[in-house]
Amino acid sequence: MRIYTYSEARNRLAEVLEESKREEVLIRRRRGDVFRVVPRLPKGSSPFAVPGVGTGVTRRELLAAIRESRRRPRRSRPA
């Protein structure tokens, strides 16, 4: 989390806005008021639209692992 003074934020507004996409940004006024800068999602974008994670596993390997796990007998749960 980064805290900027009002003057700093005003002078570096573009940088503050870009930084708010990566982490929480607060702007503090001289009187002590604190404001949080939060980017707004573009209309129509889903909150579930997140970048993928690189695993190095091919599609074929992933499908084979899923099929294998479905073939295994299920263990009964203890009561």
N, C-alpha and C. Protein backbone atom coordinates (compact mmCIF):
# COMPACT_ATOMS: atom_id res chain seq x y z
N MET A 1 0.85 -1.16 0.00
CA MET A 1 0.00 0.00 0.00
C MET A 1 0.90 1.23 0.00
N ARG A 2 0.53 2.20 -0.79
CA ARG A 2 1.30 3.43 -0.91
C ARG A 2 0.43 4.60 -0.50
N ILE A 3 0.99 5.51 0.27
CA ILE A 3 0.28 6.71 0.71
C ILE A 3 0.97 7.93 0.11
N TYR A 4 0.18 8.75 -0.59
CA TYR A 4 0.68 9.98 -1.18
C TYR A 4 0.07 11.16 -0.44
N THR A 5 0.80 12.26 -0.40
CA THR A 5 0.18 13.50 0.05
C THR A 5 -0.64 14.03 -1.11
N TYR A 6 -1.52 14.96 -0.81
CA TYR A 6 -2.36 15.54 -1.86
C TYR A 6 -1.50 16.17 -2.95
N SER A 7 -0.47 16.91 -2.54
CA SER A 7 0.40 17.59 -3.51
C SER A 7 1.15 16.59 -4.38
N GLU A 8 1.67 15.52 -3.76
CA GLU A 8 2.37 14.47 -4.53
C GLU A 8 1.43 13.85 -5.56
N ALA A 9 0.23 13.49 -5.10
CA ALA A 9 -0.74 12.85 -5.99
C ALA A 9 -1.12 13.76 -7.15
N ARG A 10 -1.29 15.03 -6.87
CA ARG A 10 -1.64 15.99 -7.92
C ARG A 10 -0.53 16.10 -8.95
N ASN A 11 0.72 16.13 -8.50
CA ASN A 11 1.86 16.27 -9.41
C ASN A 11 2.16 14.99 -10.18
N ARG A 12 1.78 13.84 -9.64
CA ARG A 12 2.11 12.55 -10.27
C ARG A 12 0.84 11.74 -10.54
N LEU A 13 -0.22 12.41 -10.94
CA LEU A 13 -1.53 11.77 -11.08
C LEU A 13 -1.51 10.53 -11.96
N ALA A 14 -0.90 10.61 -13.14
CA ALA A 14 -0.88 9.45 -14.05
C ALA A 14 -0.21 8.25 -13.38
N GLU A 15 0.89 8.48 -12.70
CA GLU A 15 1.60 7.40 -12.01
C GLU A 15 0.76 6.82 -10.87
N VAL A 16 0.08 7.69 -10.13
CA VAL A 16 -0.78 7.24 -9.03
C VAL A 16 -1.91 6.36 -9.56
N LEU A 17 -2.52 6.77 -10.66
CA LEU A 17 -3.61 5.98 -11.24
C LEU A 17 -3.13 4.62 -11.72
N GLU A 18 -1.98 4.57 -12.38
CA GLU A 18 -1.44 3.29 -12.84
C GLU A 18 -1.08 2.39 -11.66
N GLU A 19 -0.51 2.97 -10.62
CA GLU A 19 -0.14 2.20 -9.44
C GLU A 19 -1.38 1.62 -8.75
N SER A 20 -2.49 2.34 -8.80
CA SER A 20 -3.72 1.87 -8.16
C SER A 20 -4.25 0.60 -8.80
N LYS A 21 -3.84 0.30 -10.02
CA LYS A 21 -4.23 -0.95 -10.68
C LYS A 21 -3.51 -2.14 -10.07
N ARG A 22 -2.34 -1.91 -9.47
CA ARG A 22 -1.52 -2.99 -8.92
C ARG A 22 -1.66 -3.16 -7.41
N GLU A 23 -1.86 -2.04 -6.71
CA GLU A 23 -1.96 -2.11 -5.26
C GLU A 23 -2.79 -0.95 -4.74
N GLU A 24 -3.14 -1.02 -3.46
CA GLU A 24 -3.96 0.01 -2.86
C GLU A 24 -3.17 1.32 -2.77
N VAL A 25 -3.83 2.42 -3.13
CA VAL A 25 -3.21 3.74 -3.08
C VAL A 25 -4.10 4.65 -2.24
N LEU A 26 -3.48 5.34 -1.28
CA LEU A 26 -4.20 6.29 -0.44
C LEU A 26 -3.64 7.68 -0.66
N ILE A 27 -4.51 8.68 -0.59
CA ILE A 27 -4.10 10.07 -0.69
C ILE A 27 -4.53 10.76 0.61
N ARG A 28 -3.56 11.38 1.27
CA ARG A 28 -3.83 12.03 2.56
C ARG A 28 -3.73 13.54 2.41
N ARG A 29 -4.75 14.23 2.87
CA ARG A 29 -4.75 15.68 2.88
C ARG A 29 -4.09 16.19 4.15
N ARG A 30 -3.75 17.42 4.13
CA ARG A 30 -3.08 18.05 5.27
C ARG A 30 -3.94 17.97 6.54
N ARG A 31 -5.27 18.10 6.39
CA ARG A 31 -6.19 18.05 7.54
C ARG A 31 -6.35 16.65 8.11
N GLY A 32 -5.82 15.66 7.41
CA GLY A 32 -5.92 14.28 7.89
C GLY A 32 -6.92 13.42 7.15
N ASP A 33 -7.71 14.02 6.26
CA ASP A 33 -8.65 13.22 5.46
C ASP A 33 -7.85 12.26 4.58
N VAL A 34 -8.34 11.02 4.47
CA VAL A 34 -7.67 10.01 3.66
C VAL A 34 -8.65 9.49 2.62
N PHE A 35 -8.19 9.38 1.38
CA PHE A 35 -9.01 8.88 0.28
C PHE A 35 -8.32 7.70 -0.38
N ARG A 36 -9.09 6.72 -0.78
CA ARG A 36 -8.55 5.54 -1.45
C ARG A 36 -8.84 5.64 -2.94
N VAL A 37 -7.82 5.34 -3.76
CA VAL A 37 -7.98 5.37 -5.21
C VAL A 37 -8.22 3.93 -5.67
N VAL A 38 -9.39 3.69 -6.29
CA VAL A 38 -9.76 2.35 -6.74
C VAL A 38 -10.15 2.42 -8.21
N PRO A 39 -9.49 1.64 -9.08
CA PRO A 39 -9.87 1.67 -10.49
C PRO A 39 -11.25 1.04 -10.69
N ARG A 40 -12.01 1.58 -11.61
CA ARG A 40 -13.33 1.05 -11.92
C ARG A 40 -13.21 0.09 -13.09
N LEU A 41 -13.89 -1.04 -13.00
CA LEU A 41 -13.87 -2.01 -14.09
C LEU A 41 -14.64 -1.46 -15.29
N PRO A 42 -14.11 -1.69 -16.49
CA PRO A 42 -14.84 -1.25 -17.68
C PRO A 42 -16.20 -1.96 -17.74
N LYS A 43 -17.20 -1.28 -18.23
CA LYS A 43 -18.54 -1.86 -18.34
C LYS A 43 -18.49 -3.11 -19.20
N GLY A 44 -19.15 -4.14 -18.76
CA GLY A 44 -19.21 -5.37 -19.53
C GLY A 44 -18.09 -6.35 -19.21
N SER A 45 -17.11 -5.94 -18.41
CA SER A 45 -16.06 -6.90 -18.08
C SER A 45 -16.48 -7.69 -16.85
N SER A 46 -16.09 -8.91 -16.80
CA SER A 46 -16.45 -9.80 -15.71
C SER A 46 -15.39 -9.75 -14.62
N PRO A 47 -15.80 -9.78 -13.36
CA PRO A 47 -14.80 -9.85 -12.28
C PRO A 47 -14.07 -11.19 -12.29
N PHE A 48 -14.59 -12.16 -13.04
CA PHE A 48 -13.95 -13.47 -13.14
C PHE A 48 -12.95 -13.54 -14.29
N ALA A 49 -12.84 -12.49 -15.08
CA ALA A 49 -11.89 -12.45 -16.19
C ALA A 49 -10.50 -12.14 -15.62
N VAL A 50 -9.79 -13.20 -15.29
CA VAL A 50 -8.45 -13.05 -14.70
C VAL A 50 -7.44 -13.71 -15.63
N PRO A 51 -6.21 -13.26 -15.60
CA PRO A 51 -5.20 -13.88 -16.46
C PRO A 51 -4.91 -15.31 -16.02
N GLY A 52 -4.55 -16.14 -16.99
CA GLY A 52 -4.26 -17.54 -16.70
C GLY A 52 -2.92 -17.71 -16.00
N VAL A 53 -2.70 -18.92 -15.50
CA VAL A 53 -1.47 -19.25 -14.81
C VAL A 53 -0.69 -20.23 -15.67
N GLY A 54 0.54 -19.91 -15.98
CA GLY A 54 1.37 -20.81 -16.78
C GLY A 54 1.85 -21.99 -15.94
N THR A 55 1.51 -23.21 -16.36
CA THR A 55 1.91 -24.39 -15.60
C THR A 55 2.89 -25.27 -16.35
N GLY A 56 2.98 -25.06 -17.66
CA GLY A 56 3.84 -25.92 -18.45
C GLY A 56 3.20 -27.26 -18.79
N VAL A 57 1.94 -27.44 -18.43
CA VAL A 57 1.21 -28.68 -18.71
C VAL A 57 0.44 -28.50 -20.01
N THR A 58 0.56 -29.49 -20.88
CA THR A 58 -0.15 -29.39 -22.15
C THR A 58 -1.62 -29.76 -21.97
N ARG A 59 -2.41 -29.39 -22.94
CA ARG A 59 -3.84 -29.72 -22.91
C ARG A 59 -4.04 -31.23 -22.84
N ARG A 60 -3.26 -31.94 -23.63
CA ARG A 60 -3.37 -33.41 -23.67
C ARG A 60 -3.06 -34.02 -22.29
N GLU A 61 -2.01 -33.51 -21.62
CA GLU A 61 -1.64 -34.02 -20.30
C GLU A 61 -2.73 -33.71 -19.26
N LEU A 62 -3.29 -32.53 -19.36
CA LEU A 62 -4.35 -32.15 -18.42
C LEU A 62 -5.59 -33.03 -18.60
N LEU A 63 -5.99 -33.25 -19.84
CA LEU A 63 -7.16 -34.09 -20.09
C LEU A 63 -6.90 -35.53 -19.65
N ALA A 64 -5.69 -36.03 -19.86
CA ALA A 64 -5.36 -37.39 -19.42
C ALA A 64 -5.44 -37.50 -17.89
N ALA A 65 -4.98 -36.49 -17.18
CA ALA A 65 -5.04 -36.50 -15.72
C ALA A 65 -6.49 -36.47 -15.23
N ILE A 66 -7.34 -35.71 -15.89
CA ILE A 66 -8.76 -35.65 -15.51
C ILE A 66 -9.41 -37.01 -15.75
N ARG A 67 -9.16 -37.59 -16.90
CA ARG A 67 -9.75 -38.91 -17.20
C ARG A 67 -9.28 -39.96 -16.21
N GLU A 68 -8.00 -39.94 -15.87
CA GLU A 68 -7.46 -40.91 -14.91
C GLU A 68 -8.11 -40.74 -13.54
N SER A 69 -8.30 -39.50 -13.11
CA SER A 69 -8.90 -39.27 -11.79
C SER A 69 -10.36 -39.73 -11.76
N ARG A 70 -11.04 -39.69 -12.90
CA ARG A 70 -12.44 -40.14 -12.95
C ARG A 70 -12.56 -41.65 -12.95
N ARG A 71 -11.49 -42.34 -13.36
CA ARG A 71 -11.51 -43.81 -13.38
C ARG A 71 -11.25 -44.42 -12.01
N ARG A 72 -10.62 -43.67 -11.12
CA ARG A 72 -10.29 -44.20 -9.79
C ARG A 72 -11.55 -44.43 -8.98
N PRO A 73 -11.57 -45.51 -8.20
CA PRO A 73 -12.74 -45.74 -7.34
C PRO A 73 -12.78 -44.67 -6.24
N ARG A 74 -13.98 -44.24 -5.92
CA ARG A 74 -14.13 -43.21 -4.89
C ARG A 74 -14.08 -43.86 -3.51
N ARG A 75 -13.41 -43.17 -2.61
CA ARG A 75 -13.35 -43.65 -1.23
C ARG A 75 -14.58 -43.15 -0.49
N SER A 76 -15.10 -43.99 0.38
CA SER A 76 -16.26 -43.56 1.16
C SER A 76 -15.79 -42.63 2.28
N ARG A 77 -16.63 -41.68 2.60
CA ARG A 77 -16.29 -40.73 3.66
C ARG A 77 -16.61 -41.33 5.02
N PRO A 78 -15.76 -41.04 6.01
CA PRO A 78 -16.08 -41.53 7.36
C PRO A 78 -17.28 -40.79 7.92
N ALA A 79 -18.06 -41.49 8.70
CA ALA A 79 -19.30 -40.90 9.26
C ALA A 79 -19.03 -40.00 10.43
